[in-house]
Amino acid sequence: METSLKQKEEKLEKQIGLLRDEKTEISTSEICFKTTYRDLTLFSVMTSTLIIIAHAVAYMTHEYSHSFTAWALGWMANPLALDYGPATLSNILFLRDVSDNVSYDQIFAGGQACKLQPLP
């Protein structure tokens, strides 16, 4: 009796061991695939986000440089008064309607485009 019980236990342990090996192998491949897919998605989202942020920083720096230059030369009252445009998705993401709000027509019409004023 003891032998048959011991044999049954060994057989059961062997079957459990095989199931563990199969389960581990399947789980490992599924986890690797999911991790790779998740990492690729995260990388794509983060890269897109950083590109949009870098574009916004460069674009706003450019527009503020126009605005501050016009203010320093006396052609604009407030250098922070940019024209941000409407609150649309494309304007928020890509800054399509953002402008420096400098009145260039007055500058060019008055013949002041080439005249530089010294800073105080």
N, C-alpha and C. Protein backbone atom coordinates (compact mmCIF):
# COMPACT_ATOMS: atom_id res chain seq x y z
N MET A 1 0.80 -1.19 0.00
CA MET A 1 0.00 0.00 0.00
C MET A 1 0.84 1.26 0.00
N GLU A 2 1.88 1.22 0.82
CA GLU A 2 2.74 2.39 0.90
C GLU A 2 3.44 2.65 -0.43
N THR A 3 3.79 1.59 -1.10
CA THR A 3 4.47 1.73 -2.38
C THR A 3 3.55 2.36 -3.41
N SER A 4 2.33 1.89 -3.47
CA SER A 4 1.41 2.46 -4.45
C SER A 4 1.10 3.93 -4.12
N LEU A 5 1.00 4.26 -2.85
CA LEU A 5 0.78 5.65 -2.45
C LEU A 5 1.98 6.51 -2.80
N LYS A 6 3.16 5.97 -2.55
CA LYS A 6 4.40 6.69 -2.88
C LYS A 6 4.52 6.86 -4.39
N GLN A 7 4.15 5.86 -5.15
CA GLN A 7 4.20 5.95 -6.61
C GLN A 7 3.22 6.99 -7.12
N LYS A 8 2.05 6.99 -6.52
CA LYS A 8 1.04 7.97 -6.91
C LYS A 8 1.53 9.40 -6.62
N GLU A 9 2.14 9.59 -5.46
CA GLU A 9 2.68 10.91 -5.10
C GLU A 9 3.76 11.34 -6.09
N GLU A 10 4.66 10.43 -6.43
CA GLU A 10 5.73 10.74 -7.38
C GLU A 10 5.16 11.09 -8.75
N LYS A 11 4.17 10.28 -9.17
CA LYS A 11 3.54 10.54 -10.46
C LYS A 11 2.85 11.90 -10.46
N LEU A 12 2.16 12.22 -9.38
CA LEU A 12 1.49 13.50 -9.24
C LEU A 12 2.49 14.65 -9.24
N GLU A 13 3.58 14.52 -8.51
CA GLU A 13 4.62 15.55 -8.47
C GLU A 13 5.23 15.76 -9.85
N LYS A 14 5.44 14.67 -10.58
CA LYS A 14 5.98 14.76 -11.93
C LYS A 14 5.02 15.52 -12.84
N GLN A 15 3.72 15.21 -12.74
CA GLN A 15 2.72 15.90 -13.55
C GLN A 15 2.66 17.39 -13.19
N ILE A 16 2.72 17.69 -11.91
CA ILE A 16 2.70 19.09 -11.47
C ILE A 16 3.94 19.82 -11.98
N GLY A 17 5.08 19.14 -11.93
CA GLY A 17 6.31 19.73 -12.44
C GLY A 17 6.22 20.04 -13.92
N LEU A 18 5.63 19.11 -14.70
CA LEU A 18 5.46 19.35 -16.14
C LEU A 18 4.51 20.51 -16.38
N LEU A 19 3.44 20.57 -15.62
CA LEU A 19 2.49 21.68 -15.75
C LEU A 19 3.16 23.01 -15.41
N ARG A 20 3.96 23.01 -14.38
CA ARG A 20 4.67 24.24 -14.00
C ARG A 20 5.60 24.69 -15.12
N ASP A 21 6.35 23.75 -15.70
CA ASP A 21 7.27 24.09 -16.77
C ASP A 21 6.52 24.65 -17.98
N GLU A 22 5.42 23.98 -18.36
CA GLU A 22 4.64 24.45 -19.50
C GLU A 22 4.03 25.81 -19.21
N LYS A 23 3.48 25.95 -18.02
CA LYS A 23 2.83 27.21 -17.65
C LYS A 23 3.85 28.34 -17.61
N THR A 24 5.01 28.08 -17.04
CA THR A 24 6.05 29.10 -16.96
C THR A 24 6.51 29.52 -18.35
N GLU A 25 6.69 28.54 -19.23
CA GLU A 25 7.14 28.85 -20.58
C GLU A 25 6.11 29.70 -21.32
N ILE A 26 4.84 29.35 -21.21
CA ILE A 26 3.78 30.11 -21.87
C ILE A 26 3.69 31.50 -21.26
N SER A 27 3.69 31.58 -19.96
CA SER A 27 3.58 32.87 -19.29
C SER A 27 4.76 33.77 -19.64
N THR A 28 5.95 33.20 -19.69
CA THR A 28 7.13 34.01 -20.00
C THR A 28 7.02 34.60 -21.39
N SER A 29 6.62 33.82 -22.38
CA SER A 29 6.51 34.35 -23.74
C SER A 29 5.40 35.38 -23.83
N GLU A 30 4.29 35.14 -23.14
CA GLU A 30 3.21 36.12 -23.16
C GLU A 30 3.63 37.41 -22.48
N ILE A 31 4.32 37.30 -21.37
CA ILE A 31 4.78 38.49 -20.65
C ILE A 31 5.78 39.26 -21.49
N CYS A 32 6.70 38.58 -22.13
CA CYS A 32 7.69 39.25 -22.98
C CYS A 32 7.01 39.99 -24.11
N PHE A 33 6.02 39.36 -24.74
CA PHE A 33 5.32 40.02 -25.83
C PHE A 33 4.56 41.24 -25.34
N LYS A 34 3.84 41.09 -24.22
CA LYS A 34 3.08 42.21 -23.68
C LYS A 34 4.00 43.35 -23.26
N THR A 35 5.11 43.01 -22.64
CA THR A 35 6.05 44.04 -22.20
C THR A 35 6.62 44.78 -23.41
N THR A 36 6.99 44.06 -24.44
CA THR A 36 7.53 44.69 -25.63
C THR A 36 6.50 45.61 -26.27
N TYR A 37 5.27 45.14 -26.40
CA TYR A 37 4.21 45.94 -26.99
C TYR A 37 3.93 47.18 -26.13
N ARG A 38 3.88 46.99 -24.81
CA ARG A 38 3.64 48.11 -23.90
C ARG A 38 4.78 49.12 -23.98
N ASP A 39 6.01 48.63 -24.02
CA ASP A 39 7.16 49.53 -24.10
C ASP A 39 7.16 50.30 -25.41
N LEU A 40 6.81 49.64 -26.50
CA LEU A 40 6.77 50.31 -27.80
C LEU A 40 5.69 51.40 -27.80
N THR A 41 4.55 51.10 -27.23
CA THR A 41 3.48 52.09 -27.15
C THR A 41 3.89 53.26 -26.27
N LEU A 42 4.47 52.98 -25.13
CA LEU A 42 4.93 54.04 -24.24
C LEU A 42 6.00 54.90 -24.91
N PHE A 43 6.93 54.26 -25.60
CA PHE A 43 7.98 54.99 -26.31
C PHE A 43 7.37 55.91 -27.37
N SER A 44 6.41 55.41 -28.13
CA SER A 44 5.77 56.21 -29.18
C SER A 44 5.03 57.40 -28.61
N VAL A 45 4.28 57.18 -27.55
CA VAL A 45 3.52 58.27 -26.93
C VAL A 45 4.47 59.32 -26.34
N MET A 46 5.50 58.87 -25.63
CA MET A 46 6.44 59.81 -25.02
C MET A 46 7.21 60.59 -26.08
N THR A 47 7.62 59.92 -27.17
CA THR A 47 8.34 60.61 -28.24
C THR A 47 7.45 61.67 -28.89
N SER A 48 6.21 61.33 -29.18
CA SER A 48 5.28 62.29 -29.77
C SER A 48 5.06 63.48 -28.84
N THR A 49 4.89 63.20 -27.57
CA THR A 49 4.69 64.27 -26.59
C THR A 49 5.90 65.18 -26.52
N LEU A 50 7.08 64.61 -26.49
CA LEU A 50 8.30 65.43 -26.41
C LEU A 50 8.51 66.25 -27.68
N ILE A 51 8.14 65.71 -28.83
CA ILE A 51 8.25 66.48 -30.08
C ILE A 51 7.32 67.69 -30.04
N ILE A 52 6.09 67.49 -29.57
CA ILE A 52 5.13 68.60 -29.48
C ILE A 52 5.62 69.64 -28.47
N ILE A 53 6.15 69.21 -27.34
CA ILE A 53 6.68 70.15 -26.34
C ILE A 53 7.88 70.91 -26.89
N ALA A 54 8.80 70.22 -27.56
CA ALA A 54 9.97 70.89 -28.13
C ALA A 54 9.56 71.90 -29.19
N HIS A 55 8.58 71.55 -30.01
CA HIS A 55 8.07 72.49 -31.02
C HIS A 55 7.46 73.72 -30.35
N ALA A 56 6.67 73.50 -29.29
CA ALA A 56 6.04 74.62 -28.60
C ALA A 56 7.07 75.55 -27.98
N VAL A 57 8.09 74.99 -27.35
CA VAL A 57 9.14 75.82 -26.73
C VAL A 57 9.87 76.63 -27.79
N ALA A 58 10.27 75.99 -28.89
CA ALA A 58 10.99 76.70 -29.95
C ALA A 58 10.11 77.77 -30.60
N TYR A 59 8.86 77.43 -30.87
CA TYR A 59 7.95 78.37 -31.53
C TYR A 59 7.64 79.57 -30.64
N MET A 60 7.35 79.31 -29.36
CA MET A 60 7.04 80.42 -28.46
C MET A 60 8.27 81.29 -28.19
N THR A 61 9.44 80.68 -28.12
CA THR A 61 10.67 81.46 -27.98
C THR A 61 10.84 82.39 -29.18
N HIS A 62 10.58 81.88 -30.36
CA HIS A 62 10.68 82.68 -31.59
C HIS A 62 9.69 83.85 -31.55
N GLU A 63 8.43 83.57 -31.21
CA GLU A 63 7.42 84.63 -31.18
C GLU A 63 7.71 85.66 -30.09
N TYR A 64 8.15 85.20 -28.92
CA TYR A 64 8.49 86.16 -27.85
C TYR A 64 9.71 86.99 -28.23
N SER A 65 10.63 86.45 -29.01
CA SER A 65 11.79 87.26 -29.42
C SER A 65 11.35 88.41 -30.32
N HIS A 66 10.38 88.16 -31.21
CA HIS A 66 9.82 89.26 -32.01
C HIS A 66 9.18 90.30 -31.10
N SER A 67 8.38 89.82 -30.17
CA SER A 67 7.64 90.70 -29.29
C SER A 67 8.57 91.54 -28.39
N PHE A 68 9.56 90.89 -27.79
CA PHE A 68 10.48 91.62 -26.91
C PHE A 68 11.36 92.60 -27.71
N THR A 69 11.72 92.22 -28.92
CA THR A 69 12.51 93.15 -29.75
C THR A 69 11.67 94.38 -30.09
N ALA A 70 10.42 94.18 -30.48
CA ALA A 70 9.54 95.32 -30.78
C ALA A 70 9.33 96.18 -29.55
N TRP A 71 9.19 95.57 -28.40
CA TRP A 71 9.02 96.32 -27.15
C TRP A 71 10.29 97.10 -26.80
N ALA A 72 11.46 96.46 -26.94
CA ALA A 72 12.73 97.13 -26.62
C ALA A 72 12.99 98.30 -27.54
N LEU A 73 12.52 98.23 -28.77
CA LEU A 73 12.73 99.32 -29.73
C LEU A 73 11.59 100.33 -29.70
N GLY A 74 10.63 100.16 -28.81
CA GLY A 74 9.56 101.13 -28.62
C GLY A 74 8.38 100.96 -29.56
N TRP A 75 8.25 99.86 -30.24
CA TRP A 75 7.16 99.66 -31.19
C TRP A 75 6.01 98.85 -30.61
N MET A 76 6.14 98.41 -29.39
CA MET A 76 5.09 97.62 -28.76
C MET A 76 5.02 97.97 -27.28
N ALA A 77 3.81 98.07 -26.73
CA ALA A 77 3.65 98.48 -25.33
C ALA A 77 3.91 97.33 -24.34
N ASN A 78 3.44 96.14 -24.63
CA ASN A 78 3.57 95.02 -23.71
C ASN A 78 4.18 93.82 -24.45
N PRO A 79 5.37 93.39 -24.08
CA PRO A 79 6.00 92.29 -24.80
C PRO A 79 5.36 90.92 -24.55
N LEU A 80 4.53 90.82 -23.53
CA LEU A 80 3.88 89.55 -23.23
C LEU A 80 2.51 89.41 -23.87
N ALA A 81 2.09 90.41 -24.63
CA ALA A 81 0.74 90.42 -25.23
C ALA A 81 0.76 89.74 -26.60
N LEU A 82 1.00 88.44 -26.60
CA LEU A 82 0.94 87.69 -27.85
C LEU A 82 -0.51 87.43 -28.22
N ASP A 83 -0.75 87.19 -29.50
CA ASP A 83 -2.07 86.79 -29.97
C ASP A 83 -2.06 85.27 -30.02
N TYR A 84 -2.76 84.64 -29.07
CA TYR A 84 -2.73 83.18 -28.97
C TYR A 84 -3.73 82.48 -29.87
N GLY A 85 -4.66 83.18 -30.46
CA GLY A 85 -5.64 82.58 -31.34
C GLY A 85 -6.72 81.83 -30.57
N PRO A 86 -7.61 81.16 -31.33
CA PRO A 86 -8.72 80.44 -30.67
C PRO A 86 -8.25 79.17 -29.96
N ALA A 87 -9.06 78.70 -29.04
CA ALA A 87 -8.73 77.51 -28.27
C ALA A 87 -9.22 76.26 -29.00
N THR A 88 -8.64 75.99 -30.15
CA THR A 88 -8.97 74.78 -30.90
C THR A 88 -7.88 73.73 -30.64
N LEU A 89 -8.20 72.47 -30.91
CA LEU A 89 -7.24 71.39 -30.68
C LEU A 89 -5.97 71.59 -31.51
N SER A 90 -6.13 71.95 -32.77
CA SER A 90 -4.95 72.13 -33.63
C SER A 90 -4.11 73.32 -33.17
N ASN A 91 -4.75 74.36 -32.68
CA ASN A 91 -3.99 75.52 -32.20
C ASN A 91 -3.29 75.22 -30.88
N ILE A 92 -3.93 74.46 -30.03
CA ILE A 92 -3.31 74.11 -28.74
C ILE A 92 -2.12 73.18 -28.96
N LEU A 93 -2.26 72.20 -29.85
CA LEU A 93 -1.17 71.25 -30.08
C LEU A 93 -0.06 71.80 -30.96
N PHE A 94 -0.43 72.49 -32.05
CA PHE A 94 0.56 72.90 -33.05
C PHE A 94 0.76 74.41 -33.14
N LEU A 95 0.05 75.19 -32.32
CA LEU A 95 0.20 76.66 -32.24
C LEU A 95 0.02 77.32 -33.60
N ARG A 96 -0.98 76.89 -34.36
CA ARG A 96 -1.17 77.37 -35.72
C ARG A 96 -1.53 78.85 -35.80
N ASP A 97 -2.31 79.36 -34.86
CA ASP A 97 -2.78 80.74 -34.94
C ASP A 97 -2.09 81.67 -33.94
N VAL A 98 -0.99 81.23 -33.36
CA VAL A 98 -0.26 82.08 -32.42
C VAL A 98 0.59 83.07 -33.22
N SER A 99 0.52 84.33 -32.81
CA SER A 99 1.25 85.39 -33.51
C SER A 99 1.91 86.30 -32.48
N ASP A 100 2.94 87.01 -32.92
CA ASP A 100 3.67 87.88 -32.00
C ASP A 100 2.93 89.18 -31.69
N ASN A 101 1.88 89.51 -32.44
CA ASN A 101 1.04 90.67 -32.19
C ASN A 101 1.79 91.99 -32.37
N VAL A 102 2.83 92.00 -33.18
CA VAL A 102 3.57 93.23 -33.49
C VAL A 102 2.93 93.86 -34.71
N SER A 103 2.72 95.17 -34.67
CA SER A 103 2.11 95.88 -35.79
C SER A 103 3.19 96.25 -36.81
N TYR A 104 3.49 95.32 -37.69
CA TYR A 104 4.56 95.52 -38.68
C TYR A 104 4.18 96.57 -39.72
N ASP A 105 2.90 96.68 -40.04
CA ASP A 105 2.46 97.66 -41.04
C ASP A 105 2.85 99.07 -40.61
N GLN A 106 2.64 99.40 -39.36
CA GLN A 106 3.01 100.74 -38.86
C GLN A 106 4.52 100.94 -38.90
N ILE A 107 5.27 99.93 -38.58
CA ILE A 107 6.73 100.03 -38.56
C ILE A 107 7.25 100.29 -39.97
N PHE A 108 6.78 99.49 -40.93
CA PHE A 108 7.26 99.64 -42.31
C PHE A 108 6.71 100.90 -42.97
N ALA A 109 5.46 101.27 -42.69
CA ALA A 109 4.86 102.46 -43.29
C ALA A 109 5.54 103.74 -42.79
N GLY A 110 6.00 103.74 -41.57
CA GLY A 110 6.64 104.92 -41.01
C GLY A 110 8.12 105.01 -41.37
N GLY A 111 8.63 104.09 -42.14
CA GLY A 111 10.04 104.12 -42.52
C GLY A 111 10.95 103.78 -41.35
N GLN A 112 10.43 103.12 -40.34
CA GLN A 112 11.20 102.84 -39.14
C GLN A 112 11.79 101.42 -39.12
N ALA A 113 11.63 100.69 -40.20
CA ALA A 113 12.06 99.30 -40.20
C ALA A 113 13.57 99.16 -40.03
N CYS A 114 14.33 100.13 -40.55
CA CYS A 114 15.79 100.04 -40.47
C CYS A 114 16.36 100.95 -39.39
N LYS A 115 15.53 101.74 -38.77
CA LYS A 115 16.01 102.67 -37.75
C LYS A 115 16.09 101.96 -36.39
N LEU A 116 17.26 101.93 -35.83
CA LEU A 116 17.44 101.30 -34.53
C LEU A 116 17.56 102.37 -33.46
N GLN A 117 16.91 102.14 -32.34
CA GLN A 117 16.99 103.07 -31.23
C GLN A 117 17.86 102.43 -30.14
N PRO A 118 18.77 103.20 -29.58
CA PRO A 118 19.61 102.64 -28.51
C PRO A 118 18.76 102.39 -27.26
N LEU A 119 19.09 101.35 -26.56
CA LEU A 119 18.41 101.06 -25.31
C LEU A 119 18.87 102.00 -24.21
N PRO A 120 17.98 102.39 -23.30
CA PRO A 120 18.37 103.31 -22.23
C PRO A 120 19.36 102.70 -21.27
